[in-house]
Structures are given as C-alpha cells and as structure tokens.
C-alpha atoms as a PDB file:
ATOM      1  CA  MET A   1     108.242  50.344  84.107  1.00  0.00           C
ATOM      2  CA  LYS A   2     109.099  50.088  87.920  1.00  0.00           C
ATOM      3  CA  LYS A   3     106.811  46.975  88.205  1.00  0.00           C
ATOM      4  CA  LEU A   4     108.812  45.485  85.368  1.00  0.00           C
ATOM      5  CA  ILE A   5     112.135  46.238  87.143  1.00  0.00           C
ATOM      6  CA  ASP A   6     110.950  44.869  90.447  1.00  0.00           C
ATOM      7  CA  TYR A   7     109.795  41.532  88.745  1.00  0.00           C
ATOM      8  CA  ILE A   8     113.194  41.189  87.076  1.00  0.00           C
ATOM      9  CA  ASN A   9     114.946  41.746  90.508  1.00  0.00           C
ATOM     10  CA  LYS A  10     112.603  39.398  92.287  1.00  0.00           C
ATOM     11  CA  PHE A  11     113.013  36.605  89.917  1.00  0.00           C
ATOM     12  CA  VAL A  12     116.796  36.965  88.811  1.00  0.00           C
ATOM     13  CA  LEU A  13     117.920  34.557  91.366  1.00  0.00           C
ATOM     14  CA  VAL A  14     115.474  31.828  90.287  1.00  0.00           C
ATOM     15  CA  LYS A  15     116.717  32.300  86.523  1.00  0.00           C
ATOM     16  CA  ILE A  16     120.490  32.217  87.516  1.00  0.00           C
ATOM     17  CA  ALA A  17     119.891  29.252  89.652  1.00  0.00           C
ATOM     18  CA  SER A  18     118.061  27.467  86.940  1.00  0.00           C
ATOM     19  CA  LEU A  19     120.847  28.256  84.384  1.00  0.00           C
ATOM     20  CA  GLN A  20     123.374  27.198  86.701  1.00  0.00           C
ATOM     21  CA  THR A  21     121.625  23.952  87.400  1.00  0.00           C
ATOM     22  CA  ALA A  22     122.044  23.274  83.676  1.00  0.00           C
ATOM     23  CA  SER A  23     125.874  24.265  84.039  1.00  0.00           C
ATOM     24  CA  VAL A  24     126.273  21.974  87.209  1.00  0.00           C
ATOM     25  CA  THR A  25     124.433  19.132  85.519  1.00  0.00           C
ATOM     26  CA  THR A  26     126.697  19.283  82.484  1.00  0.00           C
ATOM     27  CA  ARG A  27     129.722  19.326  84.867  1.00  0.00           C
ATOM     28  CA  VAL A  28     128.460  16.270  86.800  1.00  0.00           C
ATOM     29  CA  ILE A  29     127.680  14.261  83.526  1.00  0.00           C
ATOM     30  CA  ALA A  30     131.234  15.224  82.277  1.00  0.00           C
ATOM     31  CA  GLY A  31     132.679  14.106  85.502  1.00  0.00           C
ATOM     32  CA  LEU A  32     130.743  10.895  85.471  1.00  0.00           C
ATOM     33  CA  LEU A  33     131.861  10.190  81.826  1.00  0.00           C
ATOM     34  CA  THR A  34     135.504  10.970  82.475  1.00  0.00           C
ATOM     35  CA  SER A  35     135.536   8.828  85.683  1.00  0.00           C
ATOM     36  CA  LYS A  36     133.903   5.804  83.772  1.00  0.00           C
ATOM     37  CA  ALA A  37     136.411   6.359  80.891  1.00  0.00           C
ATOM     38  CA  ILE A  38     139.261   6.241  83.535  1.00  0.00           C
ATOM     39  CA  ALA A  39     137.662   3.112  85.230  1.00  0.00           C
ATOM     40  CA  VAL A  40     137.490   1.160  82.028  1.00  0.00           C
ATOM     41  CA  PHE A  41     140.630   2.182  80.348  1.00  0.00           C
ATOM     42  CA  ILE A  42     143.005   2.733  83.140  1.00  0.00           C
ATOM     43  CA  GLY A  43     141.714   1.350  86.399  1.00  0.00           C
ATOM     44  CA  ALA A  44     141.439   2.259  90.179  1.00  0.00           C
ATOM     45  CA  GLU A  45     145.217   2.843  90.298  1.00  0.00           C
ATOM     46  CA  GLY A  46     144.833   5.432  87.660  1.00  0.00           C
ATOM     47  CA  MET A  47     142.168   7.207  89.374  1.00  0.00           C
ATOM     48  CA  ALA A  48     144.313   7.705  92.453  1.00  0.00           C
ATOM     49  CA  LEU A  49     147.182   9.035  90.526  1.00  0.00           C
ATOM     50  CA  ILE A  50     144.780  11.377  88.618  1.00  0.00           C
ATOM     51  CA  GLY A  51     143.305  12.548  91.807  1.00  0.00           C
ATOM     52  CA  ASN A  52     146.709  13.593  93.099  1.00  0.00           C
ATOM     53  CA  PHE A  53     147.437  15.401  89.891  1.00  0.00           C
ATOM     54  CA  GLN A  54     144.118  17.299  90.003  1.00  0.00           C
ATOM     55  CA  ASN A  55     144.815  18.456  93.559  1.00  0.00           C
ATOM     56  CA  PHE A  56     148.211  19.651  92.534  1.00  0.00           C
ATOM     57  CA  VAL A  57     146.741  21.523  89.434  1.00  0.00           C
ATOM     58  CA  SER A  58     144.025  23.268  91.514  1.00  0.00           C
ATOM     59  CA  SER A  59     146.533  24.377  94.124  1.00  0.00           C
ATOM     60  CA  PHE A  60     148.934  25.844  91.743  1.00  0.00           C
ATOM     61  CA  GLN A  61     146.284  27.467  89.710  1.00  0.00           C
ATOM     62  CA  THR A  62     145.148  29.275  92.722  1.00  0.00           C
ATOM     63  CA  ILE A  63     148.648  30.448  93.617  1.00  0.00           C
ATOM     64  CA  SER A  64     149.172  31.673  90.055  1.00  0.00           C
ATOM     65  CA  ILE A  65     146.246  34.170  90.359  1.00  0.00           C
ATOM     66  CA  LEU A  66     147.288  34.892  94.078  1.00  0.00           C
ATOM     67  CA  GLY A  67     143.835  33.893  95.229  1.00  0.00           C
ATOM     68  CA  PHE A  68     142.387  37.251  93.964  1.00  0.00           C
ATOM     69  CA  TYR A  69     139.225  36.144  92.257  1.00  0.00           C
ATOM     70  CA  LYS A  70     136.569  36.932  94.688  1.00  0.00           C
ATOM     71  CA  GLY A  71     138.202  40.163  95.854  1.00  0.00           C
ATOM     72  CA  VAL A  72     138.392  41.386  92.134  1.00  0.00           C
ATOM     73  CA  VAL A  73     134.839  40.471  91.562  1.00  0.00           C
ATOM     74  CA  LYS A  74     133.995  42.570  94.589  1.00  0.00           C
ATOM     75  CA  TYR A  75     135.939  45.521  93.633  1.00  0.00           C
ATOM     76  CA  ILE A  76     134.990  45.515  90.025  1.00  0.00           C
ATOM     77  CA  ALA A  77     131.219  45.487  90.956  1.00  0.00           C
ATOM     78  CA  LYS A  78     131.736  48.283  93.368  1.00  0.00           C
ATOM     79  CA  PHE A  79     133.949  50.494  90.867  1.00  0.00           C
ATOM     80  CA  LYS A  80     132.209  49.661  87.598  1.00  0.00           C
ATOM     81  CA  ASP A  81     130.896  53.119  87.208  1.00  0.00           C
ATOM     82  CA  ASN A  82     134.189  54.702  88.316  1.00  0.00           C
ATOM     83  CA  VAL A  83     136.762  54.703  85.499  1.00  0.00           C
ATOM     84  CA  ALA A  84     139.817  55.780  87.498  1.00  0.00           C
ATOM     85  CA  GLU A  85     139.208  53.122  90.218  1.00  0.00           C
ATOM     86  CA  LEU A  86     138.303  50.528  87.724  1.00  0.00           C
ATOM     87  CA  SER A  87     141.381  51.039  85.895  1.00  0.00           C
ATOM     88  CA  LYS A  88     143.347  50.938  89.120  1.00  0.00           C
ATOM     89  CA  THR A  89     141.758  47.592  89.921  1.00  0.00           C
ATOM     90  CA  ILE A  90     142.157  45.912  86.532  1.00  0.00           C
ATOM     91  CA  SER A  91     145.803  47.121  86.028  1.00  0.00           C
ATOM     92  CA  THR A  92     146.865  46.025  89.498  1.00  0.00           C
ATOM     93  CA  VAL A  93     145.424  42.509  89.222  1.00  0.00           C
ATOM     94  CA  PHE A  94     146.565  42.039  85.718  1.00  0.00           C
ATOM     95  CA  TYR A  95     150.262  42.791  86.311  1.00  0.00           C
ATOM     96  CA  ALA A  96     150.401  41.125  89.724  1.00  0.00           C
ATOM     97  CA  GLY A  97     148.748  38.101  88.233  1.00  0.00           C
ATOM     98  CA  PHE A  98     151.076  38.220  85.307  1.00  0.00           C
ATOM     99  CA  ILE A  99     154.274  38.154  87.364  1.00  0.00           C
ATOM    100  CA  ALA A 100     152.881  35.453  89.798  1.00  0.00           C
ATOM    101  CA  THR A 101     151.733  33.239  86.837  1.00  0.00           C
ATOM    102  CA  VAL A 102     155.069  33.430  85.201  1.00  0.00           C
ATOM    103  CA  LEU A 103     156.923  32.615  88.268  1.00  0.00           C
ATOM    104  CA  VAL A 104     154.840  29.508  88.983  1.00  0.00           C
ATOM    105  CA  SER A 105     155.084  28.303  85.345  1.00  0.00           C
ATOM    106  CA  VAL A 106     158.818  28.510  85.443  1.00  0.00           C
ATOM    107  CA  VAL A 107     159.144  26.901  88.870  1.00  0.00           C
ATOM    108  CA  CYS A 108     156.794  23.984  87.597  1.00  0.00           C
ATOM    109  CA  TYR A 109     158.509  23.544  84.180  1.00  0.00           C
ATOM    110  CA  PHE A 110     162.014  23.272  85.534  1.00  0.00           C
ATOM    111  CA  ASN A 111     161.041  21.134  88.760  1.00  0.00           C
ATOM    112  CA  ALA A 112     158.742  18.763  86.814  1.00  0.00           C
ATOM    113  CA  GLU A 113     160.814  15.625  87.874  1.00  0.00           C
ATOM    114  CA  LEU A 114     160.855  16.664  91.453  1.00  0.00           C
ATOM    115  CA  ILE A 115     157.018  17.374  91.600  1.00  0.00           C
ATOM    116  CA  THR A 116     156.509  14.083  89.794  1.00  0.00           C
ATOM    117  CA  ASN A 117     158.235  12.181  92.541  1.00  0.00           C
ATOM    118  CA  VAL A 118     155.940  13.730  95.184  1.00  0.00           C
ATOM    119  CA  ILE A 119     152.519  13.550  93.461  1.00  0.00           C
ATOM    120  CA  PHE A 120     153.127  10.230  91.565  1.00  0.00           C
ATOM    121  CA  PRO A 121     154.527   7.793  94.291  1.00  0.00           C
ATOM    122  CA  GLU A 122     156.627   5.025  92.542  1.00  0.00           C
ATOM    123  CA  TYR A 123     155.864   6.499  89.161  1.00  0.00           C
ATOM    124  CA  ASN A 124     158.561   8.903  87.691  1.00  0.00           C
ATOM    125  CA  ASN A 125     157.587   9.014  83.866  1.00  0.00           C
ATOM    126  CA  TYR A 126     154.874  11.643  83.979  1.00  0.00           C
ATOM    127  CA  SER A 127     156.876  14.857  84.002  1.00  0.00           C
ATOM    128  CA  LEU A 128     155.531  15.537  80.587  1.00  0.00           C
ATOM    129  CA  ALA A 129     152.123  16.357  82.198  1.00  0.00           C
ATOM    130  CA  ILE A 130     153.678  18.812  84.692  1.00  0.00           C
ATOM    131  CA  LYS A 131     155.429  20.687  81.826  1.00  0.00           C
ATOM    132  CA  VAL A 132     152.249  20.879  79.669  1.00  0.00           C
ATOM    133  CA  PHE A 133     150.517  22.336  82.768  1.00  0.00           C
ATOM    134  CA  ALA A 134     153.207  24.846  83.134  1.00  0.00           C
ATOM    135  CA  ILE A 135     152.860  25.975  79.482  1.00  0.00           C
ATOM    136  CA  VAL A 136     149.120  26.346  79.622  1.00  0.00           C
ATOM    137  CA  LEU A 137     148.987  27.861  82.971  1.00  0.00           C
ATOM    138  CA  PRO A 138     149.127  31.528  81.684  1.00  0.00           C
ATOM    139  CA  PHE A 139     145.948  30.941  79.596  1.00  0.00           C
ATOM    140  CA  TYR A 140     144.119  29.807  82.971  1.00  0.00           C
ATOM    141  CA  ALA A 141     145.155  33.036  84.528  1.00  0.00           C
ATOM    142  CA  LEU A 142     143.889  34.951  81.677  1.00  0.00           C
ATOM    143  CA  ASN A 143     140.623  33.160  81.645  1.00  0.00           C
ATOM    144  CA  MET A 144     140.108  34.033  85.446  1.00  0.00           C
ATOM    145  CA  PHE A 145     140.985  37.448  84.930  1.00  0.00           C
ATOM    146  CA  THR A 146     138.467  37.786  82.249  1.00  0.00           C
ATOM    147  CA  PHE A 147     135.802  35.858  84.148  1.00  0.00           C
ATOM    148  CA  SER A 148     136.409  38.160  87.252  1.00  0.00           C
ATOM    149  CA  ILE A 149     135.622  41.247  85.047  1.00  0.00           C
ATOM    150  CA  MET A 150     132.535  39.649  83.567  1.00  0.00           C
ATOM    151  CA  ASN A 151     131.465  38.476  86.946  1.00  0.00           C
ATOM    152  CA  GLY A 152     131.907  41.904  88.371  1.00  0.00           C
ATOM    153  CA  PHE A 153     129.869  43.354  85.695  1.00  0.00           C
ATOM    154  CA  SER A 154     127.085  40.929  86.522  1.00  0.00           C
ATOM    155  CA  LYS A 155     127.337  39.061  83.086  1.00  0.00           C
ATOM    156  CA  TYR A 156     125.935  35.816  84.765  1.00  0.00           C
ATOM    157  CA  LYS A 157     124.378  34.446  81.643  1.00  0.00           C
ATOM    158  CA  ILE A 158     127.455  34.490  79.446  1.00  0.00           C
ATOM    159  CA  LEU A 159     129.626  33.243  82.166  1.00  0.00           C
ATOM    160  CA  ILE A 160     127.358  30.056  82.738  1.00  0.00           C
ATOM    161  CA  ILE A 161     127.025  29.546  79.014  1.00  0.00           C
ATOM    162  CA  ILE A 162     130.876  29.708  78.542  1.00  0.00           C
ATOM    163  CA  ASN A 163     131.235  27.155  81.516  1.00  0.00           C
ATOM    164  CA  ILE A 164     128.710  24.789  79.780  1.00  0.00           C
ATOM    165  CA  ILE A 165     130.495  24.939  76.479  1.00  0.00           C
ATOM    166  CA  GLY A 166     133.850  24.634  78.076  1.00  0.00           C
ATOM    167  CA  GLN A 167     132.773  21.457  80.022  1.00  0.00           C
ATOM    168  CA  ILE A 168     131.563  19.930  76.773  1.00  0.00           C
ATOM    169  CA  LEU A 169     134.882  20.884  75.169  1.00  0.00           C
ATOM    170  CA  SER A 170     136.976  19.598  77.979  1.00  0.00           C
ATOM    171  CA  VAL A 171     135.210  16.259  78.346  1.00  0.00           C
ATOM    172  CA  SER A 172     135.466  15.609  74.650  1.00  0.00           C
ATOM    173  CA  VAL A 173     139.135  16.356  74.474  1.00  0.00           C
ATOM    174  CA  ALA A 174     139.628  14.215  77.911  1.00  0.00           C
ATOM    175  CA  LEU A 175     137.709  11.274  76.474  1.00  0.00           C
ATOM    176  CA  LEU A 176     139.691  11.331  73.325  1.00  0.00           C
ATOM    177  CA  LEU A 177     143.051  11.555  75.044  1.00  0.00           C
ATOM    178  CA  ILE A 178     142.164   8.803  77.488  1.00  0.00           C
ATOM    179  CA  TYR A 179     141.086   6.453  74.793  1.00  0.00           C
ATOM    180  CA  GLN A 180     144.310   7.118  72.778  1.00  0.00           C
ATOM    181  CA  GLU A 181     147.035   7.455  75.558  1.00  0.00           C
ATOM    182  CA  ALA A 182     145.361   5.992  78.811  1.00  0.00           C
ATOM    183  CA  LEU A 183     146.907   7.379  81.840  1.00  0.00           C
ATOM    184  CA  LYS A 184     149.137   9.856  80.191  1.00  0.00           C
ATOM    185  CA  GLY A 185     146.297  11.216  78.077  1.00  0.00           C
ATOM    186  CA  ALA A 186     144.277  11.442  81.277  1.00  0.00           C
ATOM    187  CA  LEU A 187     146.901  13.526  83.098  1.00  0.00           C
ATOM    188  CA  ILE A 188     147.426  15.995  80.093  1.00  0.00           C
ATOM    189  CA  SER A 189     143.538  16.373  79.797  1.00  0.00           C
ATOM    190  CA  VAL A 190     143.580  17.530  83.617  1.00  0.00           C
ATOM    191  CA  ALA A 191     146.587  19.828  82.811  1.00  0.00           C
ATOM    192  CA  ILE A 192     144.951  21.602  79.924  1.00  0.00           C
ATOM    193  CA  ALA A 193     141.097  21.315  80.961  1.00  0.00           C
ATOM    194  CA  GLU A 194     140.731  24.776  82.536  1.00  0.00           C
ATOM    195  CA  SER A 195     142.812  26.553  80.056  1.00  0.00           C
ATOM    196  CA  LEU A 196     140.698  25.213  77.276  1.00  0.00           C
ATOM    197  CA  ILE A 197     137.952  27.385  78.321  1.00  0.00           C
ATOM    198  CA  PHE A 198     139.961  30.331  77.500  1.00  0.00           C
ATOM    199  CA  LEU A 199     139.270  29.576  73.855  1.00  0.00           C
ATOM    200  CA  ILE A 200     135.553  30.153  74.647  1.00  0.00           C
ATOM    201  CA  THR A 201     136.222  33.084  76.888  1.00  0.00           C
ATOM    202  CA  LEU A 202     137.737  35.027  74.061  1.00  0.00           C
ATOM    203  CA  VAL A 203     134.234  35.947  72.990  1.00  0.00           C
ATOM    204  CA  GLY A 204     133.923  37.691  76.284  1.00  0.00           C
ATOM    205  CA  ILE A 205     137.004  39.512  75.817  1.00  0.00           C
ATOM    206  CA  ILE A 206     136.038  40.641  72.431  1.00  0.00           C
ATOM    207  CA  ASN A 207     132.758  41.934  73.967  1.00  0.00           C
ATOM    208  CA  ARG A 208     134.606  43.745  76.544  1.00  0.00           C
ATOM    209  CA  LYS A 209     137.539  45.050  74.378  1.00  0.00           C
ATOM    210  CA  SER A 210     136.705  48.659  75.477  1.00  0.00           C
ATOM    211  CA  LEU A 211     138.266  47.814  78.878  1.00  0.00           C
ATOM    212  CA  VAL A 212     141.633  46.866  77.458  1.00  0.00           C
ATOM    213  CA  PRO A 213     142.762  50.647  77.292  1.00  0.00           C
ATOM    214  CA  LEU A 214     142.125  50.662  81.174  1.00  0.00           C
ATOM    215  CA  ILE A 215     145.067  48.262  81.713  1.00  0.00           C
ATOM    216  CA  SER A 216     148.281  50.501  82.325  1.00  0.00           C
ATOM    217  CA  VAL A 217     151.356  49.892  84.226  1.00  0.00           C
ATOM    218  CA  ASN A 218     151.123  53.446  85.455  1.00  0.00           C
ATOM    219  CA  LYS A 219     147.862  52.541  87.175  1.00  0.00           C
ATOM    220  CA  PHE A 220     149.404  49.713  89.215  1.00  0.00           C
ATOM    221  CA  SER A 221     148.724  50.378  92.860  1.00  0.00           C
ATOM    222  CA  PHE A 222     150.552  48.758  95.938  1.00  0.00           C
ATOM    223  CA  SER A 223     147.960  50.248  98.197  1.00  0.00           C
ATOM    224  CA  PHE A 224     145.106  48.466  96.320  1.00  0.00           C
ATOM    225  CA  LEU A 225     146.915  45.223  96.412  1.00  0.00           C
ATOM    226  CA  LYS A 226     146.830  45.385 100.204  1.00  0.00           C
ATOM    227  CA  LYS A 227     143.136  45.622 100.056  1.00  0.00           C
ATOM    228  CA  LEU A 228     143.084  42.153  98.163  1.00  0.00           C
ATOM    229  CA  ARG A 229     145.427  40.560 100.865  1.00  0.00           C
ATOM    230  CA  PRO A 230     142.432  39.225 102.961  1.00  0.00           C
ATOM    231  CA  TYR A 231     140.735  37.655  99.957  1.00  0.00           C
ATOM    232  CA  SER A 232     144.263  36.159  98.777  1.00  0.00           C
ATOM    233  CA  MET A 233     144.967  34.823 102.226  1.00  0.00           C
ATOM    234  CA  MET A 234     141.416  33.171 102.450  1.00  0.00           C
ATOM    235  CA  ALA A 235     141.678  31.690  99.008  1.00  0.00           C
ATOM    236  CA  LEU A 236     145.140  30.398  99.488  1.00  0.00           C
ATOM    237  CA  PHE A 237     144.433  28.874 102.765  1.00  0.00           C
ATOM    238  CA  SER A 238     141.296  26.982 101.605  1.00  0.00           C
ATOM    239  CA  THR A 239     142.228  26.226  97.923  1.00  0.00           C
ATOM    240  CA  VAL A 240     145.858  25.349  98.395  1.00  0.00           C
ATOM    241  CA  LEU A 241     146.087  23.570 101.633  1.00  0.00           C
ATOM    242  CA  LEU A 242     143.036  21.296 101.266  1.00  0.00           C
ATOM    243  CA  PRO A 243     144.163  19.830  97.907  1.00  0.00           C
ATOM    244  CA  LEU A 244     147.657  19.337  99.500  1.00  0.00           C
ATOM    245  CA  VAL A 245     145.979  17.553 102.404  1.00  0.00           C
ATOM    246  CA  ALA A 246     144.003  15.428 100.127  1.00  0.00           C
ATOM    247  CA  ILE A 247     147.430  14.494  98.352  1.00  0.00           C
ATOM    248  CA  ALA A 248     148.986  13.508 101.651  1.00  0.00           C
ATOM    249  CA  ILE A 249     145.792  11.291 102.596  1.00  0.00           C
ATOM    250  CA  ARG A 250     145.833   9.656  99.034  1.00  0.00           C
ATOM    251  CA  ASN A 251     149.676   9.011  99.509  1.00  0.00           C
ATOM    252  CA  TYR A 252     149.233   7.524 102.911  1.00  0.00           C
ATOM    253  CA  ILE A 253     146.609   5.304 101.709  1.00  0.00           C
ATOM    254  CA  ILE A 254     148.796   4.181  98.736  1.00  0.00           C
ATOM    255  CA  GLU A 255     151.706   3.547 100.944  1.00  0.00           C
ATOM    256  CA  ASN A 256     149.727   1.440 103.704  1.00  0.00           C
ATOM    257  CA  VAL A 257     147.026  -0.106 101.629  1.00  0.00           C
ATOM    258  CA  GLY A 258     147.565   0.223  97.944  1.00  0.00           C
ATOM    259  CA  TYR A 259     146.801   2.048  94.758  1.00  0.00           C
ATOM    260  CA  LYS A 260     143.383   0.269  94.258  1.00  0.00           C
ATOM    261  CA  ASP A 261     141.894   1.361  97.422  1.00  0.00           C
ATOM    262  CA  ALA A 262     143.239   4.997  97.013  1.00  0.00           C
ATOM    263  CA  GLY A 263     141.445   4.933  93.711  1.00  0.00           C
ATOM    264  CA  PHE A 264     138.223   3.800  95.381  1.00  0.00           C
ATOM    265  CA  TRP A 265     138.569   6.583  98.023  1.00  0.00           C
ATOM    266  CA  GLU A 266     139.155   9.242  95.120  1.00  0.00           C
ATOM    267  CA  ALA A 267     135.942   7.949  93.365  1.00  0.00           C
ATOM    268  CA  MET A 268     133.880   8.323  96.560  1.00  0.00           C
ATOM    269  CA  THR A 269     135.161  11.852  97.156  1.00  0.00           C
ATOM    270  CA  ARG A 270     134.452  12.927  93.714  1.00  0.00           C
ATOM    271  CA  ILE A 271     130.781  11.809  94.168  1.00  0.00           C
ATOM    272  CA  SER A 272     130.605  14.037  97.325  1.00  0.00           C
ATOM    273  CA  LYS A 273     131.894  17.057  95.392  1.00  0.00           C
ATOM    274  CA  TYR A 274     129.465  16.988  92.583  1.00  0.00           C
ATOM    275  CA  TYR A 275     126.113  18.115  94.417  1.00  0.00           C
ATOM    276  CA  LEU A 276     128.242  20.848  96.207  1.00  0.00           C
ATOM    277  CA  MET A 277     129.182  22.410  92.885  1.00  0.00           C
ATOM    278  CA  PHE A 278     125.800  24.089  92.528  1.00  0.00           C
ATOM    279  CA  ILE A 279     125.874  26.040  95.671  1.00  0.00           C
ATOM    280  CA  THR A 280     129.634  26.926  95.608  1.00  0.00           C
ATOM    281  CA  SER A 281     129.632  28.162  92.078  1.00  0.00           C
ATOM    282  CA  LEU A 282     126.353  30.113  92.677  1.00  0.00           C
ATOM    283  CA  MET A 283     127.906  31.733  95.611  1.00  0.00           C
ATOM    284  CA  ALA A 284     130.866  33.122  93.575  1.00  0.00           C
ATOM    285  CA  LEU A 285     128.804  33.931  90.490  1.00  0.00           C
ATOM    286  CA  TYR A 286     125.721  35.806  91.832  1.00  0.00           C
ATOM    287  CA  ILE A 287     125.832  36.007  95.681  1.00  0.00           C
ATOM    288  CA  LEU A 288     128.985  37.806  96.162  1.00  0.00           C
ATOM    289  CA  PRO A 289     128.614  40.610  93.524  1.00  0.00           C
ATOM    290  CA  ARG A 290     124.999  40.905  94.491  1.00  0.00           C
ATOM    291  CA  PHE A 291     125.775  41.514  98.224  1.00  0.00           C
ATOM    292  CA  THR A 292     128.475  44.159  97.179  1.00  0.00           C
ATOM    293  CA  GLU A 293     125.677  46.058  95.547  1.00  0.00           C
ATOM    294  CA  ILE A 294     123.542  46.246  98.499  1.00  0.00           C
ATOM    295  CA  ASN A 295     123.669  49.206 100.802  1.00  0.00           C
ATOM    296  CA  ASN A 296     121.008  48.805 103.396  1.00  0.00           C
ATOM    297  CA  THR A 297     120.114  46.112 105.879  1.00  0.00           C
ATOM    298  CA  LYS A 298     116.525  45.590 104.599  1.00  0.00           C
ATOM    299  CA  ASP A 299     117.675  44.587 101.176  1.00  0.00           C
ATOM    300  CA  PHE A 300     120.339  42.492 102.490  1.00  0.00           C
ATOM    301  CA  ARG A 301     118.130  40.501 104.677  1.00  0.00           C
ATOM    302  CA  LYS A 302     115.603  40.092 101.682  1.00  0.00           C
ATOM    303  CA  GLU A 303     118.502  38.796  99.518  1.00  0.00           C
ATOM    304  CA  VAL A 304     119.584  36.268 102.230  1.00  0.00           C
ATOM    305  CA  PHE A 305     116.105  34.904 102.860  1.00  0.00           C
ATOM    306  CA  GLY A 306     115.525  34.871  99.068  1.00  0.00           C
ATOM    307  CA  PHE A 307     118.675  32.757  98.716  1.00  0.00           C
ATOM    308  CA  TYR A 308     117.568  30.172 101.551  1.00  0.00           C
ATOM    309  CA  LYS A 309     114.009  29.740 100.165  1.00  0.00           C
ATOM    310  CA  THR A 310     115.202  29.256  96.454  1.00  0.00           C
ATOM    311  CA  VAL A 311     118.578  27.467  96.745  1.00  0.00           C
ATOM    312  CA  MET A 312     118.713  25.451  99.971  1.00  0.00           C
ATOM    313  CA  PRO A 313     115.897  23.189  99.204  1.00  0.00           C
ATOM    314  CA  ILE A 314     117.634  22.103  95.861  1.00  0.00           C
ATOM    315  CA  LEU A 315     120.900  21.504  97.844  1.00  0.00           C
ATOM    316  CA  ALA A 316     118.883  19.565 100.471  1.00  0.00           C
ATOM    317  CA  PHE A 317     117.437  17.265  97.658  1.00  0.00           C
ATOM    318  CA  ALA A 318     120.815  16.816  96.040  1.00  0.00           C
ATOM    319  CA  LEU A 319     122.247  15.759  99.443  1.00  0.00           C
ATOM    320  CA  LEU A 320     119.546  13.213 100.075  1.00  0.00           C
ATOM    321  CA  VAL A 321     119.975  11.832  96.443  1.00  0.00           C
END
C-alpha cells in the first residue's frame, strides 16, 4: 500500500499537467476560433474594442471577489480537517464577496454610459454589454467561490473538466452571438463567458452540499479578513492595474494611429497570452495548494525540482513554437 501511495504522489503532477494541457489546448482553440470569427464578421476595429472590454471585465471581476481566490485556496487546504476554522474561512469569504459583488454590480449597471465612454472611444451605443455584465457578475463570484473550495480540497480533476466543458460552452455561445449580432454579440459573449461556467460548476456545488451548513453570518471574522489582505493586495495590483494599463495603451494607439492598428496589437498580445495559460493555471490549480500542505524543506525542494523537470520543458517548447 505504501508503494502505491508513493507512486501516486510521484506521478500526480504529471497526470494533472497532462489534463491541464488538454484544458489549455481547448482554451487556445476556443480563443483562436473566436478571434477568427471576430476578424471575419467584425474586423480589426472590433478586435480593439473587444480587447478593451475584456480588460474591463477581468479587472472588475477581480474587484468583485476582492482578489481573495489564492488566499482562500490556501486556507481551505490548511483547514480542511478543522471544521471550526473551515466554517470561519468559508463564511467570511462568502459574505465579504457577496457585499463586494453587489456593490460592483450596482456601480457598473448605473454608470454604464460613463464606462462606455471610457472603454469604447468614439462609440457610445454599447452600454447594454456593461449592464449585462453587471447582472451576471454575481454568478461569476459564486463560481470562483466554489472553485476556491474545490481547489482547496484538491479536486483538481473535476476543476479541469469543468473548465474544459465551460470553454466549449462559452465558445459555442460566442460564435453564435458574433454570427447573429456582430460586435454587440461579441461584447455580450465576453460579458457572460465566465458566468456561464457557473452552470457547469453547479455539479460541484451539489457534490459539496455538505459544506453549505458551514456558511453562517455568525462565523464572519474580521481578523480572518485581515489575513487575506496580502493576497487581496497582490491580486488587485496585478489583475486590476495591468488590464487598465492595457486599455490605456490601446486607447493611445486608437487616438494616434487608428482602430485597425489597435486591433492588430490586440491580436498579437492574445497570441503571447495563450502559451502562458498552461503555467499560470497550473500554478493556481496545483502548486499553491500543494505547497500549503508541505511542512518540511526536503519535500518542498523535491516538489519544486519536480515542477521544473516536468513543466518547464513544456513551457520552453511552447515559447519556441
């Protein structure tokens, strides 16, 4: 039995990496299909506008969950055998995220026109996409809340499968909307893409319904909220400021060169993102909760070297391609 357990522990990263490769491949294919559809039915100008909207969506999605995701994964992995601390973790994150998400949704919905003027220069008739985003944002927050729980409990396989199915569903809806409504359809598909995955994640919620009683307003803890602050600050800095910088760069290109060139710039940055998806998603999915479980230097060093030997060659090959 011990040999069997050692074998599973030794090759789990390889198995997760292989499944994650399938997930990332699906996402890349979905991205290429969507980009091609945008090029055919909308053109380079549309690519620039959609890029701005995607950056806006990603920034405000992170704000809505307060950048808690990685911190929640860590503490759920740490307290998964401690019911009292687990209840405090889940309850605090749920209610803090609920309040933040509602506030962000309200701000976006009632300021849709103002936001449109910022992210769609010279275009002012796409406020509907902002309002749709505001309406579906709570479903995104619930999805990430559920993902963090499953990730903390090391449910890697089901998470990756949900991502694969979600990507297929999202690209199908996106292609249909782009074909029928052109730019407006593409913007709406961006607004609802991440929230659609919640339909698939419901399966995970059903499988983890025993955790629902742990959510209680009485378990909300301000002291635990302070522990999540460093994770929140890191996430908000990187995943909020960087997309806003991208919007600023794209708007600068639009004002000084034109929409078409801004669309080409957006297309090139998309290509550079695709191969990095593998490493970044694997870090969040497996590496972070795994490192949390390690309590000694020897195992930590072994895990790090195993990561370099298994994953880095794949990343290097993708970079060359």
